[in-house]
């Protein structure tokens, strides 16, 4: 069984169309990765039996990263979205390399959306470009490499793991889409790739952290209280924010909340997770580095609305443009 530690920062959904996790070096056993990967090898991970291409829509393709070059391209995209566009503060290494670099990148799988005809300006031929990404960490992979879920830096996962012993779990993190592509077409293709991954690896439970923009919980009282009263996780799917990071989400009484207004105040990705059937944990966490207030989100695959199972399980080419 995985034994999550509780001494580091975890992942977060960013406002809009991003979902990312962070981890300082102290979070993991440095020896866990030594010798497990050849640092000069171009092959990072096998596809585990999945085809190279998970779906296509026009010039867009969704697939798994196969090489270190693929992962570096995803890291550059993450830097552009998280640090250039949003309010996150990069450390020295990230600032120098202009990549969102994280030690978990070597053991996680990376789902990429690539535009094979990305414009490059006048008189230059289009060139393939990573315009969307999602990073996933399966429980069996984390256990095999002796590392913990990075969400444990914000939430105590012990009860969740104990209550779901034997289930195949997957942590989602560091997702983002380049601004010009931030539309239904791209996001649905990205999720089509995620769904194919879930089905192939027989995932039972997904979890991670979702974020609301801003660091003042009082200013976010409506969405936080809405999630607390209307989408609170049962004990078997809940995780509680670490004591020294805990912020109460019960900021308004249930009867004072207009559900329609509250839904409009939520970031698109949290709305999407609610539609799928996700539930939310106990307490929020203020993440000043990324300028967000984070909440824990969990979703059992068997609880996903059948309409979405049928939709994302269909051929990607059938998705609306």
C-alpha atoms as a PDB file:
ATOM      1  CA  UNK A   1       0.000   0.000   0.000  1.00  0.00           C
ATOM      2  CA  UNK A   2       1.177   3.527  -0.764  1.00  0.00           C
ATOM      3  CA  UNK A   3       2.034   5.601   2.283  1.00  0.00           C
ATOM      4  CA  UNK A   4       1.600   9.275   1.311  1.00  0.00           C
ATOM      5  CA  UNK A   5       3.913  11.715   3.000  1.00  0.00           C
ATOM      6  CA  UNK A   6       2.739  15.111   4.101  1.00  0.00           C
ATOM      7  CA  UNK A   7       5.690  17.454   3.823  1.00  0.00           C
ATOM      8  CA  UNK A   8       5.461  19.098   0.441  1.00  0.00           C
ATOM      9  CA  UNK A   9       3.299  20.905  -2.007  1.00  0.00           C
ATOM     10  CA  UNK A  10       0.809  19.060  -4.150  1.00  0.00           C
ATOM     11  CA  UNK A  11      -0.915  19.646  -7.503  1.00  0.00           C
ATOM     12  CA  UNK A  12      -3.546  22.182  -8.383  1.00  0.00           C
ATOM     13  CA  UNK A  13      -6.084  22.929 -11.028  1.00  0.00           C
ATOM     14  CA  UNK A  14      -5.439  26.424 -12.288  1.00  0.00           C
ATOM     15  CA  UNK A  15      -8.225  28.804 -13.180  1.00  0.00           C
ATOM     16  CA  UNK A  16      -9.650  28.206 -16.634  1.00  0.00           C
ATOM     17  CA  UNK A  17      -8.066  25.346 -18.516  1.00  0.00           C
ATOM     18  CA  UNK A  18      -5.072  24.238 -16.510  1.00  0.00           C
ATOM     19  CA  UNK A  19      -4.351  21.535 -14.008  1.00  0.00           C
ATOM     20  CA  UNK A  20      -0.865  21.195 -12.548  1.00  0.00           C
ATOM     21  CA  UNK A  21       0.993  19.599  -9.698  1.00  0.00           C
ATOM     22  CA  UNK A  22       4.178  20.776  -8.014  1.00  0.00           C
ATOM     23  CA  UNK A  23       6.708  18.980  -5.918  1.00  0.00           C
ATOM     24  CA  UNK A  24       9.900  20.166  -4.201  1.00  0.00           C
ATOM     25  CA  UNK A  25      12.798  17.740  -4.049  1.00  0.00           C
ATOM     26  CA  UNK A  26      12.280  16.995  -0.330  1.00  0.00           C
ATOM     27  CA  UNK A  27       8.928  15.389  -1.114  1.00  0.00           C
ATOM     28  CA  UNK A  28      10.454  12.256  -2.512  1.00  0.00           C
ATOM     29  CA  UNK A  29      13.315   9.891  -1.838  1.00  0.00           C
ATOM     30  CA  UNK A  30      16.026  11.085  -4.271  1.00  0.00           C
ATOM     31  CA  UNK A  31      17.359   7.537  -4.502  1.00  0.00           C
ATOM     32  CA  UNK A  32      14.013   6.390  -5.864  1.00  0.00           C
ATOM     33  CA  UNK A  33      14.789   7.702  -9.336  1.00  0.00           C
ATOM     34  CA  UNK A  34      18.530   7.055  -9.459  1.00  0.00           C
ATOM     35  CA  UNK A  35      19.355   4.430 -12.045  1.00  0.00           C
ATOM     36  CA  UNK A  36      15.760   3.931 -13.104  1.00  0.00           C
ATOM     37  CA  UNK A  37      16.089   6.146 -16.163  1.00  0.00           C
ATOM     38  CA  UNK A  38      18.990   6.783 -18.472  1.00  0.00           C
ATOM     39  CA  UNK A  39      19.249  10.599 -18.443  1.00  0.00           C
ATOM     40  CA  UNK A  40      20.570  10.690 -22.005  1.00  0.00           C
ATOM     41  CA  UNK A  41      18.098   8.210 -23.431  1.00  0.00           C
ATOM     42  CA  UNK A  42      15.510   9.585 -25.807  1.00  0.00           C
ATOM     43  CA  UNK A  43      13.021   6.875 -24.879  1.00  0.00           C
ATOM     44  CA  UNK A  44      11.295   7.769 -21.616  1.00  0.00           C
ATOM     45  CA  UNK A  45       8.383   5.365 -21.322  1.00  0.00           C
ATOM     46  CA  UNK A  46       6.770   2.691 -23.424  1.00  0.00           C
ATOM     47  CA  UNK A  47       3.122   3.153 -24.326  1.00  0.00           C
ATOM     48  CA  UNK A  48       2.127   0.043 -22.398  1.00  0.00           C
ATOM     49  CA  UNK A  49       0.312  -1.405 -25.372  1.00  0.00           C
ATOM     50  CA  UNK A  50      -1.530   1.784 -26.315  1.00  0.00           C
ATOM     51  CA  UNK A  51      -1.200   2.883 -29.962  1.00  0.00           C
ATOM     52  CA  UNK A  52       1.012   5.866 -30.689  1.00  0.00           C
ATOM     53  CA  UNK A  53      -2.010   7.926 -31.732  1.00  0.00           C
ATOM     54  CA  UNK A  54      -4.967   8.001 -29.322  1.00  0.00           C
ATOM     55  CA  UNK A  55      -7.146  10.240 -31.484  1.00  0.00           C
ATOM     56  CA  UNK A  56      -7.168  12.916 -34.176  1.00  0.00           C
ATOM     57  CA  UNK A  57      -9.243  15.939 -35.128  1.00  0.00           C
ATOM     58  CA  UNK A  58      -8.064  17.589 -38.310  1.00  0.00           C
ATOM     59  CA  UNK A  59      -4.459  18.689 -37.762  1.00  0.00           C
ATOM     60  CA  UNK A  60      -4.660  17.903 -34.033  1.00  0.00           C
ATOM     61  CA  UNK A  61      -3.399  14.604 -32.620  1.00  0.00           C
ATOM     62  CA  UNK A  62      -3.543  13.287 -29.045  1.00  0.00           C
ATOM     63  CA  UNK A  63      -0.885  10.777 -28.004  1.00  0.00           C
ATOM     64  CA  UNK A  64       1.488   9.775 -25.231  1.00  0.00           C
ATOM     65  CA  UNK A  65       4.938  11.312 -24.883  1.00  0.00           C
ATOM     66  CA  UNK A  66       7.611   8.816 -25.930  1.00  0.00           C
ATOM     67  CA  UNK A  67      10.883  10.728 -25.669  1.00  0.00           C
ATOM     68  CA  UNK A  68      12.642  13.230 -23.438  1.00  0.00           C
ATOM     69  CA  UNK A  69      12.147  15.756 -26.215  1.00  0.00           C
ATOM     70  CA  UNK A  70       8.385  15.244 -25.987  1.00  0.00           C
ATOM     71  CA  UNK A  71       8.447  15.890 -22.235  1.00  0.00           C
ATOM     72  CA  UNK A  72      10.606  19.006 -22.608  1.00  0.00           C
ATOM     73  CA  UNK A  73       8.094  20.373 -25.111  1.00  0.00           C
ATOM     74  CA  UNK A  74       5.330  19.758 -22.560  1.00  0.00           C
ATOM     75  CA  UNK A  75       7.426  21.473 -19.877  1.00  0.00           C
ATOM     76  CA  UNK A  76       7.862  24.534 -22.125  1.00  0.00           C
ATOM     77  CA  UNK A  77       4.129  24.690 -22.694  1.00  0.00           C
ATOM     78  CA  UNK A  78       3.491  24.449 -18.958  1.00  0.00           C
ATOM     79  CA  UNK A  79       5.961  27.258 -18.300  1.00  0.00           C
ATOM     80  CA  UNK A  80       4.280  29.450 -20.889  1.00  0.00           C
ATOM     81  CA  UNK A  81       0.829  28.904 -19.364  1.00  0.00           C
ATOM     82  CA  UNK A  82       1.627  28.747 -15.646  1.00  0.00           C
ATOM     83  CA  UNK A  83       4.394  31.337 -15.395  1.00  0.00           C
ATOM     84  CA  UNK A  84       4.173  33.616 -18.443  1.00  0.00           C
ATOM     85  CA  UNK A  85       0.393  33.814 -18.651  1.00  0.00           C
ATOM     86  CA  UNK A  86      -0.744  33.150 -15.111  1.00  0.00           C
ATOM     87  CA  UNK A  87       0.429  34.349 -11.723  1.00  0.00           C
ATOM     88  CA  UNK A  88       2.736  31.488 -10.716  1.00  0.00           C
ATOM     89  CA  UNK A  89       6.239  32.387  -9.549  1.00  0.00           C
ATOM     90  CA  UNK A  90       9.007  30.221 -11.100  1.00  0.00           C
ATOM     91  CA  UNK A  91      12.042  29.056  -9.180  1.00  0.00           C
ATOM     92  CA  UNK A  92      15.528  29.779 -10.506  1.00  0.00           C
ATOM     93  CA  UNK A  93      15.827  26.564 -12.486  1.00  0.00           C
ATOM     94  CA  UNK A  94      12.494  27.025 -14.212  1.00  0.00           C
ATOM     95  CA  UNK A  95      13.304  30.664 -14.987  1.00  0.00           C
ATOM     96  CA  UNK A  96      16.680  29.801 -16.530  1.00  0.00           C
ATOM     97  CA  UNK A  97      15.461  26.901 -18.673  1.00  0.00           C
ATOM     98  CA  UNK A  98      12.004  28.380 -19.278  1.00  0.00           C
ATOM     99  CA  UNK A  99      10.537  24.962 -18.539  1.00  0.00           C
ATOM    100  CA  UNK A 100       8.276  23.813 -15.724  1.00  0.00           C
ATOM    101  CA  UNK A 101      10.638  21.108 -14.463  1.00  0.00           C
ATOM    102  CA  UNK A 102       9.496  18.543 -11.922  1.00  0.00           C
ATOM    103  CA  UNK A 103      11.120  15.275 -10.765  1.00  0.00           C
ATOM    104  CA  UNK A 104       7.886  13.357 -11.284  1.00  0.00           C
ATOM    105  CA  UNK A 105       8.048  14.044 -15.028  1.00  0.00           C
ATOM    106  CA  UNK A 106      10.369  11.060 -15.425  1.00  0.00           C
ATOM    107  CA  UNK A 107       7.949   8.508 -14.013  1.00  0.00           C
ATOM    108  CA  UNK A 108       4.605   9.982 -15.064  1.00  0.00           C
ATOM    109  CA  UNK A 109       2.922   9.432 -18.403  1.00  0.00           C
ATOM    110  CA  UNK A 110       2.295  12.600 -20.419  1.00  0.00           C
ATOM    111  CA  UNK A 111      -0.703  12.908 -22.696  1.00  0.00           C
ATOM    112  CA  UNK A 112      -0.027  15.460 -25.430  1.00  0.00           C
ATOM    113  CA  UNK A 113      -2.140  17.287 -27.979  1.00  0.00           C
ATOM    114  CA  UNK A 114      -0.065  18.248 -31.005  1.00  0.00           C
ATOM    115  CA  UNK A 115      -1.018  20.595 -33.816  1.00  0.00           C
ATOM    116  CA  UNK A 116       0.781  19.277 -36.896  1.00  0.00           C
ATOM    117  CA  UNK A 117       0.059  22.469 -38.798  1.00  0.00           C
ATOM    118  CA  UNK A 118       0.782  25.082 -36.146  1.00  0.00           C
ATOM    119  CA  UNK A 119       1.405  28.489 -37.789  1.00  0.00           C
ATOM    120  CA  UNK A 120       4.908  29.950 -37.416  1.00  0.00           C
ATOM    121  CA  UNK A 121       4.488  33.399 -38.937  1.00  0.00           C
ATOM    122  CA  UNK A 122       4.859  34.770 -42.479  1.00  0.00           C
ATOM    123  CA  UNK A 123       6.983  32.820 -44.975  1.00  0.00           C
ATOM    124  CA  UNK A 124       7.560  29.923 -42.548  1.00  0.00           C
ATOM    125  CA  UNK A 125       6.115  26.460 -43.007  1.00  0.00           C
ATOM    126  CA  UNK A 126       3.785  25.095 -40.310  1.00  0.00           C
ATOM    127  CA  UNK A 127       5.516  22.868 -37.753  1.00  0.00           C
ATOM    128  CA  UNK A 128       4.186  20.294 -35.223  1.00  0.00           C
ATOM    129  CA  UNK A 129       3.694  21.935 -31.831  1.00  0.00           C
ATOM    130  CA  UNK A 130       2.553  20.683 -28.397  1.00  0.00           C
ATOM    131  CA  UNK A 131      -0.485  22.810 -27.572  1.00  0.00           C
ATOM    132  CA  UNK A 132      -2.028  20.790 -24.749  1.00  0.00           C
ATOM    133  CA  UNK A 133      -0.888  18.348 -22.097  1.00  0.00           C
ATOM    134  CA  UNK A 134      -2.026  16.253 -19.147  1.00  0.00           C
ATOM    135  CA  UNK A 135       0.272  14.427 -16.734  1.00  0.00           C
ATOM    136  CA  UNK A 136      -0.908  11.222 -15.059  1.00  0.00           C
ATOM    137  CA  UNK A 137       0.579   9.078 -12.301  1.00  0.00           C
ATOM    138  CA  UNK A 138      -0.827   5.622 -11.643  1.00  0.00           C
ATOM    139  CA  UNK A 139      -0.670   4.151  -8.165  1.00  0.00           C
ATOM    140  CA  UNK A 140       1.216   1.061  -9.341  1.00  0.00           C
ATOM    141  CA  UNK A 141       3.883   3.228 -11.005  1.00  0.00           C
ATOM    142  CA  UNK A 142       4.320   5.392  -7.916  1.00  0.00           C
ATOM    143  CA  UNK A 143       4.613   2.317  -5.743  1.00  0.00           C
ATOM    144  CA  UNK A 144       7.104   0.635  -8.075  1.00  0.00           C
ATOM    145  CA  UNK A 145       9.390   3.683  -7.892  1.00  0.00           C
ATOM    146  CA  UNK A 146       9.016   4.216  -4.167  1.00  0.00           C
ATOM    147  CA  UNK A 147       7.491   7.687  -4.398  1.00  0.00           C
ATOM    148  CA  UNK A 148       4.356   9.202  -2.936  1.00  0.00           C
ATOM    149  CA  UNK A 149       1.459  11.013  -4.536  1.00  0.00           C
ATOM    150  CA  UNK A 150       2.346  14.687  -4.692  1.00  0.00           C
ATOM    151  CA  UNK A 151      -1.184  15.651  -3.619  1.00  0.00           C
ATOM    152  CA  UNK A 152      -0.085  14.553  -0.150  1.00  0.00           C
ATOM    153  CA  UNK A 153       1.627  17.925   0.183  1.00  0.00           C
ATOM    154  CA  UNK A 154      -1.795  19.528   0.604  1.00  0.00           C
ATOM    155  CA  UNK A 155      -4.106  16.714   1.677  1.00  0.00           C
ATOM    156  CA  UNK A 156      -3.900  13.683   3.944  1.00  0.00           C
ATOM    157  CA  UNK A 157      -4.568  10.747   1.608  1.00  0.00           C
ATOM    158  CA  UNK A 158      -4.253   7.918   4.101  1.00  0.00           C
ATOM    159  CA  UNK A 159      -7.980   7.417   4.691  1.00  0.00           C
ATOM    160  CA  UNK A 160      -8.739   7.619   0.958  1.00  0.00           C
ATOM    161  CA  UNK A 161      -6.146   4.979   0.108  1.00  0.00           C
ATOM    162  CA  UNK A 162      -7.212   2.705   2.960  1.00  0.00           C
ATOM    163  CA  UNK A 163     -10.902   2.942   2.020  1.00  0.00           C
ATOM    164  CA  UNK A 164     -10.141   2.088  -1.607  1.00  0.00           C
ATOM    165  CA  UNK A 165      -7.501  -0.583  -1.126  1.00  0.00           C
ATOM    166  CA  UNK A 166      -7.233  -2.800  -4.171  1.00  0.00           C
ATOM    167  CA  UNK A 167      -8.543  -0.192  -6.601  1.00  0.00           C
ATOM    168  CA  UNK A 168      -6.393   1.093  -9.437  1.00  0.00           C
ATOM    169  CA  UNK A 169      -5.862   4.794  -8.766  1.00  0.00           C
ATOM    170  CA  UNK A 170      -4.602   7.597 -10.982  1.00  0.00           C
ATOM    171  CA  UNK A 171      -3.536  11.092 -10.043  1.00  0.00           C
ATOM    172  CA  UNK A 172      -4.085  13.853 -12.577  1.00  0.00           C
ATOM    173  CA  UNK A 173      -1.869  16.910 -12.749  1.00  0.00           C
ATOM    174  CA  UNK A 174      -0.171  19.684 -14.682  1.00  0.00           C
ATOM    175  CA  UNK A 175      -2.709  19.988 -17.441  1.00  0.00           C
ATOM    176  CA  UNK A 176      -2.826  23.046 -19.633  1.00  0.00           C
ATOM    177  CA  UNK A 177      -3.824  24.204 -23.105  1.00  0.00           C
ATOM    178  CA  UNK A 178      -2.164  27.007 -25.069  1.00  0.00           C
ATOM    179  CA  UNK A 179      -4.425  30.064 -25.093  1.00  0.00           C
ATOM    180  CA  UNK A 180      -5.269  30.204 -28.851  1.00  0.00           C
ATOM    181  CA  UNK A 181      -6.377  26.566 -28.648  1.00  0.00           C
ATOM    182  CA  UNK A 182      -8.384  26.887 -25.456  1.00  0.00           C
ATOM    183  CA  UNK A 183     -11.666  25.718 -26.904  1.00  0.00           C
ATOM    184  CA  UNK A 184     -14.094  22.814 -26.785  1.00  0.00           C
ATOM    185  CA  UNK A 185     -12.409  21.004 -29.666  1.00  0.00           C
ATOM    186  CA  UNK A 186      -8.969  20.833 -28.052  1.00  0.00           C
ATOM    187  CA  UNK A 187     -10.180  20.050 -24.554  1.00  0.00           C
ATOM    188  CA  UNK A 188     -12.423  17.251 -25.782  1.00  0.00           C
ATOM    189  CA  UNK A 189      -9.569  15.724 -27.761  1.00  0.00           C
ATOM    190  CA  UNK A 190      -7.342  15.891 -24.675  1.00  0.00           C
ATOM    191  CA  UNK A 191     -10.030  14.171 -22.611  1.00  0.00           C
ATOM    192  CA  UNK A 192     -10.522  11.574 -25.312  1.00  0.00           C
ATOM    193  CA  UNK A 193      -6.848  10.671 -24.819  1.00  0.00           C
ATOM    194  CA  UNK A 194      -7.261  10.595 -21.039  1.00  0.00           C
ATOM    195  CA  UNK A 195     -10.297   8.330 -21.341  1.00  0.00           C
ATOM    196  CA  UNK A 196      -8.499   5.860 -23.619  1.00  0.00           C
ATOM    197  CA  UNK A 197      -5.681   5.762 -21.064  1.00  0.00           C
ATOM    198  CA  UNK A 198      -8.156   5.138 -18.231  1.00  0.00           C
ATOM    199  CA  UNK A 199      -9.841   2.271 -20.082  1.00  0.00           C
ATOM    200  CA  UNK A 200      -6.554   0.685 -21.172  1.00  0.00           C
ATOM    201  CA  UNK A 201      -5.087   0.682 -17.664  1.00  0.00           C
ATOM    202  CA  UNK A 202      -8.416  -0.239 -16.018  1.00  0.00           C
ATOM    203  CA  UNK A 203      -8.350   2.773 -13.696  1.00  0.00           C
ATOM    204  CA  UNK A 204     -10.983   2.720 -10.940  1.00  0.00           C
ATOM    205  CA  UNK A 205     -10.403   6.042  -9.166  1.00  0.00           C
ATOM    206  CA  UNK A 206      -9.025   9.432 -10.223  1.00  0.00           C
ATOM    207  CA  UNK A 207      -8.097  12.269  -7.914  1.00  0.00           C
ATOM    208  CA  UNK A 208      -6.149  15.522  -7.730  1.00  0.00           C
ATOM    209  CA  UNK A 209      -6.567  19.140  -6.709  1.00  0.00           C
ATOM    210  CA  UNK A 210      -8.712  21.799  -8.361  1.00  0.00           C
ATOM    211  CA  UNK A 211      -8.055  25.513  -8.039  1.00  0.00           C
ATOM    212  CA  UNK A 212      -9.941  28.762  -7.913  1.00  0.00           C
ATOM    213  CA  UNK A 213      -8.085  31.911  -8.857  1.00  0.00           C
ATOM    214  CA  UNK A 214      -7.071  34.159  -5.985  1.00  0.00           C
ATOM    215  CA  UNK A 215      -5.713  33.653  -2.480  1.00  0.00           C
ATOM    216  CA  UNK A 216      -8.513  35.192  -0.388  1.00  0.00           C
ATOM    217  CA  UNK A 217     -10.985  32.466   0.673  1.00  0.00           C
ATOM    218  CA  UNK A 218     -13.513  35.100   1.778  1.00  0.00           C
ATOM    219  CA  UNK A 219     -13.671  36.420  -1.792  1.00  0.00           C
ATOM    220  CA  UNK A 220     -14.353  32.849  -2.951  1.00  0.00           C
ATOM    221  CA  UNK A 221     -16.979  32.121  -0.313  1.00  0.00           C
ATOM    222  CA  UNK A 222     -19.754  31.329  -2.821  1.00  0.00           C
ATOM    223  CA  UNK A 223     -17.945  28.665  -4.895  1.00  0.00           C
ATOM    224  CA  UNK A 224     -16.211  27.150  -1.852  1.00  0.00           C
ATOM    225  CA  UNK A 225     -19.420  26.906   0.159  1.00  0.00           C
ATOM    226  CA  UNK A 226     -21.266  25.542  -2.872  1.00  0.00           C
ATOM    227  CA  UNK A 227     -18.762  22.694  -3.246  1.00  0.00           C
ATOM    228  CA  UNK A 228     -18.923  22.051   0.509  1.00  0.00           C
ATOM    229  CA  UNK A 229     -22.718  21.836   0.683  1.00  0.00           C
ATOM    230  CA  UNK A 230     -23.642  20.442  -2.747  1.00  0.00           C
ATOM    231  CA  UNK A 231     -20.701  18.265  -3.828  1.00  0.00           C
ATOM    232  CA  UNK A 232     -19.034  17.063  -0.638  1.00  0.00           C
ATOM    233  CA  UNK A 233     -17.317  13.692  -0.931  1.00  0.00           C
ATOM    234  CA  UNK A 234     -18.470  10.743   1.174  1.00  0.00           C
ATOM    235  CA  UNK A 235     -15.953   9.534   3.736  1.00  0.00           C
ATOM    236  CA  UNK A 236     -14.657   6.817   1.396  1.00  0.00           C
ATOM    237  CA  UNK A 237     -13.660   9.375  -1.258  1.00  0.00           C
ATOM    238  CA  UNK A 238     -12.719  12.329   0.905  1.00  0.00           C
ATOM    239  CA  UNK A 239      -9.320  13.734   1.823  1.00  0.00           C
ATOM    240  CA  UNK A 240      -8.825  16.397   4.469  1.00  0.00           C
ATOM    241  CA  UNK A 241      -6.482  19.332   4.023  1.00  0.00           C
ATOM    242  CA  UNK A 242      -3.377  19.081   6.191  1.00  0.00           C
ATOM    243  CA  UNK A 243      -3.941  20.761   9.586  1.00  0.00           C
ATOM    244  CA  UNK A 244      -1.416  23.543   9.045  1.00  0.00           C
ATOM    245  CA  UNK A 245      -2.870  24.309   5.615  1.00  0.00           C
ATOM    246  CA  UNK A 246      -6.569  23.779   6.344  1.00  0.00           C
ATOM    247  CA  UNK A 247      -9.044  26.511   5.334  1.00  0.00           C
ATOM    248  CA  UNK A 248     -12.725  25.989   6.103  1.00  0.00           C
ATOM    249  CA  UNK A 249     -14.957  25.838   3.015  1.00  0.00           C
ATOM    250  CA  UNK A 250     -18.181  26.208   5.008  1.00  0.00           C
ATOM    251  CA  UNK A 251     -18.196  29.984   4.655  1.00  0.00           C
ATOM    252  CA  UNK A 252     -21.910  30.427   3.948  1.00  0.00           C
ATOM    253  CA  UNK A 253     -25.029  28.537   5.105  1.00  0.00           C
ATOM    254  CA  UNK A 254     -26.550  26.212   2.525  1.00  0.00           C
ATOM    255  CA  UNK A 255     -29.792  28.201   2.306  1.00  0.00           C
ATOM    256  CA  UNK A 256     -27.869  31.366   1.398  1.00  0.00           C
ATOM    257  CA  UNK A 257     -26.419  29.824  -1.780  1.00  0.00           C
ATOM    258  CA  UNK A 258     -28.018  30.269  -5.188  1.00  0.00           C
ATOM    259  CA  UNK A 259     -26.829  27.126  -6.993  1.00  0.00           C
ATOM    260  CA  UNK A 260     -27.066  28.660 -10.470  1.00  0.00           C
ATOM    261  CA  UNK A 261     -25.032  31.696  -9.468  1.00  0.00           C
ATOM    262  CA  UNK A 262     -22.497  29.510  -7.699  1.00  0.00           C
ATOM    263  CA  UNK A 263     -22.039  27.284 -10.752  1.00  0.00           C
ATOM    264  CA  UNK A 264     -21.293  30.322 -12.881  1.00  0.00           C
ATOM    265  CA  UNK A 265     -18.571  31.364 -10.446  1.00  0.00           C
ATOM    266  CA  UNK A 266     -16.672  28.083 -10.839  1.00  0.00           C
ATOM    267  CA  UNK A 267     -13.724  27.611 -13.228  1.00  0.00           C
ATOM    268  CA  UNK A 268     -14.602  25.617 -16.376  1.00  0.00           C
ATOM    269  CA  UNK A 269     -12.635  22.553 -15.316  1.00  0.00           C
ATOM    270  CA  UNK A 270     -14.364  22.307 -11.956  1.00  0.00           C
ATOM    271  CA  UNK A 271     -17.711  22.609 -13.736  1.00  0.00           C
ATOM    272  CA  UNK A 272     -16.607  19.812 -16.043  1.00  0.00           C
ATOM    273  CA  UNK A 273     -15.666  17.586 -13.146  1.00  0.00           C
ATOM    274  CA  UNK A 274     -19.004  18.216 -11.467  1.00  0.00           C
ATOM    275  CA  UNK A 275     -20.806  17.183 -14.641  1.00  0.00           C
ATOM    276  CA  UNK A 276     -18.807  13.964 -14.719  1.00  0.00           C
ATOM    277  CA  UNK A 277     -19.858  13.216 -11.139  1.00  0.00           C
ATOM    278  CA  UNK A 278     -16.817  14.324  -9.121  1.00  0.00           C
ATOM    279  CA  UNK A 279     -16.950  15.039  -5.393  1.00  0.00           C
ATOM    280  CA  UNK A 280     -14.795  17.344  -3.263  1.00  0.00           C
ATOM    281  CA  UNK A 281     -12.802  16.909  -0.069  1.00  0.00           C
ATOM    282  CA  UNK A 282     -12.697  18.518   3.354  1.00  0.00           C
ATOM    283  CA  UNK A 283     -11.080  21.939   3.486  1.00  0.00           C
ATOM    284  CA  UNK A 284      -9.305  24.179   0.999  1.00  0.00           C
ATOM    285  CA  UNK A 285      -5.619  25.104   0.764  1.00  0.00           C
ATOM    286  CA  UNK A 286      -4.241  28.547  -0.094  1.00  0.00           C
ATOM    287  CA  UNK A 287      -1.377  28.246  -2.578  1.00  0.00           C
ATOM    288  CA  UNK A 288       0.346  31.623  -2.635  1.00  0.00           C
ATOM    289  CA  UNK A 289       3.053  30.488  -5.063  1.00  0.00           C
ATOM    290  CA  UNK A 290       0.450  29.848  -7.753  1.00  0.00           C
ATOM    291  CA  UNK A 291      -2.068  32.451  -6.599  1.00  0.00           C
ATOM    292  CA  UNK A 292      -4.899  29.983  -6.063  1.00  0.00           C
ATOM    293  CA  UNK A 293      -7.137  28.360  -3.480  1.00  0.00           C
ATOM    294  CA  UNK A 294      -7.086  24.598  -3.981  1.00  0.00           C
ATOM    295  CA  UNK A 295      -9.734  21.965  -3.290  1.00  0.00           C
ATOM    296  CA  UNK A 296      -9.443  18.182  -3.396  1.00  0.00           C
ATOM    297  CA  UNK A 297     -11.421  16.390  -6.112  1.00  0.00           C
ATOM    298  CA  UNK A 298     -12.081  12.656  -6.526  1.00  0.00           C
ATOM    299  CA  UNK A 299     -14.021  10.651  -9.080  1.00  0.00           C
ATOM    300  CA  UNK A 300     -14.710   6.936  -9.343  1.00  0.00           C
ATOM    301  CA  UNK A 301     -14.798   5.802 -12.957  1.00  0.00           C
ATOM    302  CA  UNK A 302     -17.951   3.744 -12.357  1.00  0.00           C
ATOM    303  CA  UNK A 303     -19.710   6.923 -11.189  1.00  0.00           C
ATOM    304  CA  UNK A 304     -19.074   8.870 -14.397  1.00  0.00           C
ATOM    305  CA  UNK A 305     -22.282   9.818 -16.159  1.00  0.00           C
ATOM    306  CA  UNK A 306     -22.885   7.191 -18.910  1.00  0.00           C
ATOM    307  CA  UNK A 307     -23.418   9.951 -21.467  1.00  0.00           C
ATOM    308  CA  UNK A 308     -19.811  11.055 -21.067  1.00  0.00           C
ATOM    309  CA  UNK A 309     -18.524   7.485 -21.100  1.00  0.00           C
ATOM    310  CA  UNK A 310     -20.198   6.977 -24.476  1.00  0.00           C
ATOM    311  CA  UNK A 311     -19.000  10.326 -25.775  1.00  0.00           C
ATOM    312  CA  UNK A 312     -15.325  10.088 -24.834  1.00  0.00           C
ATOM    313  CA  UNK A 313     -15.261   6.425 -25.711  1.00  0.00           C
ATOM    314  CA  UNK A 314     -16.282   7.216 -29.270  1.00  0.00           C
ATOM    315  CA  UNK A 315     -13.883   7.813 -32.127  1.00  0.00           C
ATOM    316  CA  UNK A 316     -12.302  11.221 -31.588  1.00  0.00           C
ATOM    317  CA  UNK A 317     -13.105  12.210 -35.165  1.00  0.00           C
ATOM    318  CA  UNK A 318     -16.801  12.184 -34.246  1.00  0.00           C
ATOM    319  CA  UNK A 319     -16.357  14.973 -31.712  1.00  0.00           C
ATOM    320  CA  UNK A 320     -17.807  18.374 -32.508  1.00  0.00           C
ATOM    321  CA  UNK A 321     -15.362  20.820 -34.039  1.00  0.00           C
END
